[in-house]
Protein backbone atom coordinates (compact mmCIF):
# COMPACT_ATOMS: atom_id res chain seq x y z
CA MET A 1 0.06 -0.05 0.02
CA VAL A 2 1.08 3.56 -0.80
CA ASP A 3 1.99 5.36 2.19
CA HIS A 4 -0.35 8.61 3.09
CA ASP A 5 2.71 10.91 2.76
CA HIS A 6 3.94 9.60 -0.54
CA SER A 7 0.16 9.64 -1.89
CA TYR A 8 -0.33 13.56 -0.93
CA LYS A 9 2.97 14.31 -2.41
CA HIS A 10 1.68 12.67 -5.58
CA LEU A 11 -1.42 14.78 -5.51
CA PHE A 12 0.37 17.93 -5.03
CA LYS A 13 2.80 17.30 -7.80
CA GLU A 14 -0.20 18.53 -9.68
CA PRO A 15 -0.04 22.25 -10.51
CA THR A 16 -3.98 22.53 -10.32
CA MET A 17 -3.62 21.07 -6.68
CA VAL A 18 -0.94 23.76 -5.79
CA ARG A 19 -2.95 26.60 -7.47
CA ASP A 20 -6.43 25.81 -5.54
CA LEU A 21 -4.23 25.40 -2.38
CA LEU A 22 -3.08 29.18 -2.62
CA LEU A 23 -6.35 30.39 -3.92
CA GLY A 24 -8.75 28.92 -1.72
CA PHE A 25 -6.61 28.73 1.74
CA VAL A 26 -3.79 31.47 1.82
CA PRO A 27 -5.07 34.49 3.22
CA GLY A 28 -4.77 37.97 1.62
CA GLN A 29 -5.73 39.68 -1.54
CA TRP A 30 -2.33 39.66 -3.18
CA VAL A 31 -2.84 35.90 -3.97
CA GLN A 32 -5.51 36.79 -6.47
CA SER A 33 -2.82 38.84 -8.50
CA LEU A 34 -0.46 35.80 -8.70
CA ASP A 35 0.64 34.66 -12.41
CA PHE A 36 -0.51 31.23 -12.20
CA SER A 37 0.65 30.54 -15.82
CA THR A 38 4.04 30.72 -14.55
CA LEU A 39 3.63 28.28 -11.75
CA GLU A 40 6.25 25.59 -12.11
CA HIS A 41 7.86 22.88 -9.94
CA VAL A 42 11.45 23.16 -8.69
CA GLY A 43 13.36 20.12 -8.01
CA SER A 44 16.17 20.56 -5.51
CA THR A 45 18.59 18.62 -3.35
CA PHE A 46 19.51 20.00 0.09
CA VAL A 47 22.09 18.63 2.32
CA SER A 48 21.46 18.86 6.17
CA ASP A 49 23.98 19.25 8.99
CA ASP A 50 24.26 15.47 9.41
CA LEU A 51 25.09 15.04 5.66
CA ARG A 52 21.99 13.20 4.99
CA GLU A 53 20.89 14.06 1.67
CA ARG A 54 17.26 15.18 1.42
CA GLU A 55 15.22 15.18 -1.81
CA ASP A 56 12.40 17.77 -1.57
CA ASP A 57 9.93 17.66 -4.38
CA MET A 58 7.48 20.10 -2.59
CA VAL A 59 8.93 23.58 -3.82
CA TRP A 60 7.16 25.58 -6.45
CA ARG A 61 7.76 28.93 -7.94
CA LEU A 62 5.45 31.52 -9.85
CA LYS A 63 5.58 35.24 -10.70
CA LEU A 64 4.17 37.92 -8.88
CA VAL A 65 2.53 41.13 -10.31
CA ASP A 66 6.19 42.70 -10.63
CA GLN A 67 7.53 39.65 -12.32
CA THR A 68 9.35 38.89 -8.92
CA TRP A 69 9.68 34.82 -8.37
CA LEU A 70 7.62 33.83 -5.42
CA TYR A 71 8.87 30.36 -4.24
CA VAL A 72 6.28 28.04 -2.36
CA TYR A 73 7.66 25.50 0.13
CA LEU A 74 5.19 23.06 0.89
CA LEU A 75 5.56 20.70 3.77
CA LEU A 76 3.05 17.75 4.35
CA GLU A 77 2.88 16.83 7.97
CA PHE A 78 0.94 13.32 8.86
CA GLN A 79 2.45 13.00 12.28
CA SER A 80 -0.34 11.78 14.75
CA LYS A 81 0.95 14.42 17.11
CA PRO A 82 2.47 17.97 16.09
CA ASP A 83 6.24 18.47 16.08
CA PRO A 84 6.91 21.04 18.65
CA MET A 85 9.85 22.05 16.92
CA MET A 86 8.43 22.59 13.58
CA ALA A 87 9.20 26.12 13.37
CA LEU A 88 12.71 25.32 13.64
CA ARG A 89 12.67 22.69 11.06
CA ILE A 90 10.98 25.22 8.76
CA MET A 91 13.84 27.68 9.39
CA VAL A 92 16.36 24.91 8.64
CA TYR A 93 14.67 23.92 5.35
CA LEU A 94 14.42 27.58 4.20
CA GLY A 95 18.19 28.29 5.13
CA LEU A 96 18.90 25.39 2.82
CA LEU A 97 16.62 26.47 0.19
CA TYR A 98 18.22 29.73 0.30
CA GLN A 99 21.91 28.30 -0.03
CA ASP A 100 20.53 26.51 -3.03
CA MET A 101 19.42 29.83 -4.67
CA VAL A 102 22.54 31.55 -3.95
CA ALA A 103 24.29 28.49 -5.49
CA GLN A 104 22.31 29.04 -8.61
CA LYS A 105 22.36 32.85 -8.49
CA LEU A 106 18.50 32.92 -8.49
CA MET A 107 18.54 36.40 -6.60
CA THR A 108 16.04 39.00 -7.30
CA PRO A 109 16.85 41.01 -9.44
CA GLU A 110 18.69 38.31 -11.20
CA GLY A 111 22.42 38.07 -10.92
CA GLU A 112 24.78 38.77 -8.16
CA GLY A 113 24.33 41.69 -5.81
CA GLY A 114 20.38 41.25 -5.87
CA LYS A 115 18.38 40.23 -3.09
CA LEU A 116 16.89 36.48 -2.27
CA PRO A 117 13.11 35.89 -3.65
CA PRO A 118 10.47 35.55 -0.85
CA VAL A 119 9.41 32.20 0.12
CA LEU A 120 5.86 31.01 1.57
CA PRO A 121 6.37 28.07 3.80
CA ILE A 122 3.20 26.00 4.17
CA VAL A 123 2.61 23.36 6.88
CA LEU A 124 -0.33 21.22 5.59
CA TYR A 125 -1.33 19.17 8.50
CA ASN A 126 -4.06 16.35 8.76
CA GLY A 127 -3.95 14.72 12.02
CA GLU A 128 -6.74 14.31 14.32
CA GLY A 129 -5.40 16.20 17.25
CA ALA A 130 -5.33 19.64 17.21
CA TRP A 131 -2.13 21.59 16.14
CA THR A 132 -0.32 23.00 19.17
CA ALA A 133 3.17 23.61 18.06
CA ALA A 134 4.48 27.19 17.95
CA GLU A 135 4.24 28.76 14.40
CA GLU A 136 6.97 31.35 15.08
CA MET A 137 10.46 30.41 15.70
CA ARG A 138 10.82 33.28 18.39
CA ASP A 139 8.44 31.51 20.40
CA LEU A 140 10.84 28.59 20.68
CA VAL A 141 13.83 30.65 22.18
CA TYR A 142 14.04 31.40 25.64
CA PRO A 143 14.01 35.20 26.19
CA VAL A 144 16.80 37.23 27.71
CA GLU A 145 16.74 41.06 28.13
CA GLY A 146 19.14 42.57 25.66
CA LEU A 147 19.28 39.40 23.60
CA ASP A 148 15.82 39.73 21.89
CA ILE A 149 17.18 41.44 18.70
CA TYR A 150 19.51 38.54 17.84
CA ILE A 151 16.74 35.82 18.27
CA PRO A 152 15.79 34.65 14.62
CA SER A 153 12.31 35.10 13.30
CA CYS A 154 10.53 32.77 10.90
CA ARG A 155 6.94 32.00 10.72
CA TYR A 156 5.08 29.30 8.69
CA LEU A 157 1.64 29.23 7.49
CA LEU A 158 -0.20 26.39 9.13
CA LEU A 159 -3.35 24.68 7.01
CA ASP A 160 -4.82 22.50 9.67
CA GLU A 161 -7.54 20.57 7.74
CA GLN A 162 -9.57 19.94 10.94
CA ARG A 163 -10.15 23.52 11.48
CA TYR A 164 -12.26 24.07 8.40
CA THR A 165 -15.86 23.38 8.75
CA ASP A 166 -18.06 21.67 6.30
CA GLU A 167 -19.69 24.78 5.30
CA GLU A 168 -16.35 26.50 4.63
CA LEU A 169 -15.18 23.56 2.32
CA GLU A 170 -18.49 23.43 0.76
CA SER A 171 -18.09 27.33 0.08
CA ALA A 172 -14.82 26.91 -1.87
CA GLN A 173 -16.32 26.62 -5.26
CA ARG A 174 -14.65 24.06 -7.66
CA ASN A 175 -11.63 23.84 -5.47
CA LEU A 176 -9.76 20.52 -5.71
CA VAL A 177 -7.94 20.77 -2.20
CA ALA A 178 -11.31 21.54 -0.69
CA ALA A 179 -12.33 18.54 -2.21
CA LEU A 180 -9.60 16.78 -0.85
CA PHE A 181 -10.26 17.69 2.44
CA ARG A 182 -13.96 17.03 2.53
CA LEU A 183 -12.72 13.53 1.49
CA GLU A 184 -10.52 13.34 4.40
CA LYS A 185 -13.16 14.30 6.70
CA SER A 186 -15.93 12.05 5.30
CA ARG A 187 -17.75 9.63 7.62
CA THR A 188 -19.98 7.59 5.17
CA ALA A 189 -19.45 5.99 1.84
CA ALA A 190 -22.48 8.28 0.48
CA ASP A 191 -20.16 11.70 1.65
CA ILE A 192 -17.26 10.02 -0.53
CA ARG A 193 -19.59 9.42 -3.41
CA ALA A 194 -21.01 12.84 -3.52
CA VAL A 195 -17.37 14.49 -3.61
CA VAL A 196 -16.31 11.73 -6.11
CA ASP A 197 -19.08 12.86 -8.32
CA ARG A 198 -18.15 16.42 -8.31
CA LEU A 199 -14.46 15.77 -9.14
CA VAL A 200 -15.46 13.51 -12.11
CA THR A 201 -17.56 16.49 -13.39
CA TRP A 202 -14.79 19.19 -12.88
CA LEU A 203 -12.08 17.22 -14.09
CA LYS A 204 -13.32 16.15 -17.59
CA GLU A 205 -10.75 17.48 -19.97
CA PRO A 206 -7.87 15.16 -21.45
CA GLU A 207 -5.24 17.27 -20.04
CA GLN A 208 -6.52 16.74 -16.46
CA ALA A 209 -6.06 12.94 -16.82
CA GLY A 210 -2.97 13.00 -14.35
CA ILE A 211 -4.97 14.49 -11.62
CA ARG A 212 -7.78 12.14 -11.99
CA ARG A 213 -5.52 9.32 -11.87
CA ALA A 214 -3.71 10.82 -8.54
CA PHE A 215 -7.20 11.17 -6.87
CA ALA A 216 -8.14 7.55 -8.07
CA VAL A 217 -5.03 6.02 -6.88
CA TRP A 218 -5.23 7.94 -3.38
CA LEU A 219 -8.89 6.61 -3.05
CA ARG A 220 -8.06 3.21 -4.01
CA ARG A 221 -4.94 2.78 -1.80
CA VAL A 222 -5.37 5.26 1.10
CA LEU A 223 -8.76 6.51 1.85
CA LEU A 224 -10.79 3.38 1.41
CA PRO A 225 -8.75 0.89 3.01
CA ALA A 226 -8.66 3.18 5.89
CA ARG A 227 -12.44 3.64 6.24
CA LEU A 228 -13.24 -0.12 5.33
CA LYS A 229 -10.46 -2.13 6.99
CA ASP A 230 -11.86 -5.59 6.01
CA VAL A 231 -13.14 -4.85 2.53
CA GLU A 232 -11.16 -5.63 -0.65
CA VAL A 233 -11.15 -2.71 -2.72
CA PRO A 234 -10.75 -3.24 -6.46
CA GLU A 235 -8.00 -1.80 -8.54
CA VAL A 236 -8.80 1.19 -10.25
CA SER A 237 -6.93 4.01 -12.20
CA ASP A 238 -9.45 6.60 -13.10
CA LEU A 239 -12.05 8.58 -11.09
CA GLY A 240 -14.66 7.31 -13.25
CA GLU A 241 -13.88 3.91 -12.44
CA VAL A 242 -13.95 4.86 -8.49
CA ARG A 243 -17.64 6.56 -9.18
CA THR A 244 -18.67 3.12 -10.90
CA MET A 245 -17.02 1.23 -8.17
CA LEU A 246 -18.98 3.30 -5.51
CA GLU A 247 -22.44 3.09 -7.16
CA GLU A 248 -22.32 -0.60 -7.23
CA ARG A 249 -21.07 -1.19 -3.83
CA VAL A 250 -22.46 1.77 -1.63
CA ILE A 251 -25.07 0.00 -0.21
CA GLN A 252 -22.86 -3.08 0.80
CA TRP A 253 -20.02 -0.69 1.98
CA THR A 254 -22.57 1.40 4.03
CA LYS A 255 -23.88 -1.66 5.93
CA GLU A 256 -20.29 -2.70 6.93
CA TRP A 257 -19.47 0.95 7.64
CA LYS A 258 -22.24 1.31 10.14
CA GLN A 259 -21.28 -2.20 11.35
CA GLN A 260 -17.71 -0.94 12.33
CA GLY A 261 -19.00 2.30 13.49
CA LEU A 262 -21.53 0.26 15.71
CA GLU A 263 -18.99 -1.80 17.18
CA GLN A 264 -16.51 1.04 17.85
CA GLY A 265 -19.56 2.83 19.47
CA LEU A 266 -20.19 0.09 21.90
CA GLU A 267 -16.83 -0.27 22.82
CA GLN A 268 -16.36 3.55 23.54
CA GLY A 269 -20.00 3.56 25.19
CA LEU A 270 -18.72 0.80 27.53
CA GLU A 271 -15.68 2.53 28.31
CA GLN A 272 -17.26 5.84 28.89
CA GLY A 273 -20.16 4.26 30.67
CA LEU A 274 -17.84 2.54 32.93
CA GLU A 275 -15.84 5.74 33.71
CA GLN A 276 -19.13 7.60 34.21
CA GLY A 277 -20.55 4.93 36.47
CA LEU A 278 -17.40 5.12 38.85
CA GLU A 279 -17.44 8.83 39.02
CA GLN A 280 -20.98 9.04 39.60
CA GLY A 281 -20.88 6.40 42.18
CA LEU A 282 -18.17 8.15 43.94
CA GLU A 283 -20.20 11.34 43.98
CA GLN A 284 -23.60 9.43 45.13
CA GLY A 285 -21.70 7.50 47.69
CA LEU A 286 -20.28 10.77 49.25
CA GLU A 287 -23.44 12.53 49.34
CA GLN A 288 -25.31 9.42 50.60
CA GLY A 289 -22.60 9.08 53.41
CA LEU A 290 -22.90 12.68 54.30
CA THR A 291 -26.51 12.54 54.45
CA ARG A 292 -26.42 9.19 56.36
CA GLY A 293 -23.73 10.79 58.95
CA LYS A 294 -25.91 13.48 59.62
CA ALA A 295 -28.93 11.46 60.20
CA GLU A 296 -27.11 9.11 62.42
CA GLY A 297 -25.66 11.83 64.41
CA LYS A 298 -29.15 13.42 64.97
CA ALA A 299 -30.37 9.70 66.31
CA GLU A 300 -27.37 9.48 68.61
CA GLY A 301 -28.38 12.83 70.12
CA LYS A 302 -31.84 12.25 70.53
CA ALA A 303 -31.23 8.77 71.91
CA GLU A 304 -28.92 10.28 74.56
CA SER A 305 -31.58 13.01 75.46
CA LEU A 306 -34.48 10.19 75.90
CA LEU A 307 -32.17 8.20 78.21
CA ALA A 308 -31.46 11.61 80.19
CA VAL A 309 -35.22 12.21 80.71
CA LEU A 310 -35.69 8.60 81.68
CA GLU A 311 -33.04 8.74 84.21
CA ALA A 312 -34.05 12.13 85.70
CA ARG A 313 -37.62 10.83 86.12
CA GLY A 314 -36.42 7.81 87.92
CA LEU A 315 -37.36 5.26 85.56
CA THR A 316 -35.77 1.92 85.44
CA VAL A 317 -34.00 1.37 82.14
CA THR A 318 -32.70 -2.19 81.64
CA ASP A 319 -29.82 -3.25 79.29
CA GLU A 320 -32.34 -4.37 76.72
CA ASN A 321 -34.12 -0.98 76.78
CA GLU A 322 -31.20 1.11 76.47
CA ALA A 323 -29.69 -1.05 73.41
CA SER A 324 -33.11 -0.73 71.75
CA ILE A 325 -32.95 3.30 72.35
CA ARG A 326 -29.24 3.24 71.14
CA SER A 327 -29.72 1.17 68.26
CA CYS A 328 -32.78 3.04 66.60
CA ARG A 329 -32.05 5.27 63.78
CA ASP A 330 -35.67 6.27 62.89
CA LEU A 331 -35.94 10.11 64.27
CA GLU A 332 -39.74 9.96 64.36
CA THR A 333 -39.88 7.10 66.51
CA LEU A 334 -37.18 8.75 68.79
CA ASP A 335 -39.31 11.72 68.83
CA ARG A 336 -42.51 10.05 69.67
CA TRP A 337 -40.65 8.13 72.59
CA LEU A 338 -39.07 11.34 73.84
CA ARG A 339 -42.42 12.99 74.19
CA LYS A 340 -44.05 10.05 76.02
CA ALA A 341 -41.24 10.10 78.26
CA VAL A 342 -41.87 13.27 79.74
CA LYS A 343 -45.28 12.16 81.28
CA ALA A 344 -45.02 8.27 81.38
CA GLU A 345 -45.42 6.33 84.54
CA SER A 346 -43.62 3.37 82.97
CA LEU A 347 -41.34 2.16 80.14
CA ASP A 348 -44.33 0.03 78.88
CA GLU A 349 -46.30 3.28 78.26
CA ILE A 350 -43.36 4.79 76.22
CA PHE A 351 -42.50 1.49 74.12
CA GLU A 352 -46.18 0.21 73.57
């Protein structure tokens, strides 16, 4: 099976995906003025400090209004937990990228003596947990008075798929990246089929065959196996074939999907029920214990009062009578005995 990272990179090797990512998810009106006809992939080899070569195939460039090249560094992040040092990683990668530009004399304006072109670093994250890592390099450095001006500053643009609501993704008209995010967030086979139907409609032209196949491979080898763990997904190579497959099997898969959800729901429900039961049991036990303690304290007080009245009136109290009085926890009964003890001539009148 193709790993998730590689499949995503395969999708974002398509210029259309990069264009829709910039237009649909990068803030600022300046994006609308980019010349997307100049969008091109830049292949580079960077060498990190530990001398391990790193092939980075996610660097693109296109021209701004003034014909200046803008470089887009796209980092796809698929870890289950955010990397707390992501800002440092981005700064290192940008340093390697700029070194490569200097070596190739890609300054702006072109030639020696010019300035380095701007780079837009984007981190695309699709993990389930919320992104908590610092998005600015300065936030990773311990502040010391007088040294603030020497702390490096490097910020990246975080695109967290989980932050986008279904309404926001739906409003992105004919945007392939929004469709990808909706597929990632899908929970039923019908949801997937609806998005695939749109993709088939959008990607009809012959020159779009590459992006159609990239989506089909990702659906076949990554998304569907992840949603339907025990289902054999047929080999397909085009979005049209994926749609046909979904039409033929959507009812069967929906049943199996629901069964998986039911099993997971039962398991989670048992765990949550046990945890809530223990918590509620402790609360109720404490509350009942306090109530019972107060009641027992009142009963003991009334029993002592009753024994004192009987002793003051000279009525003989046997050990059996005293045990009955002290063991009684019914406050109404003790009150009744106490009222009778004030005038009774014998214990029989009190305990009849």
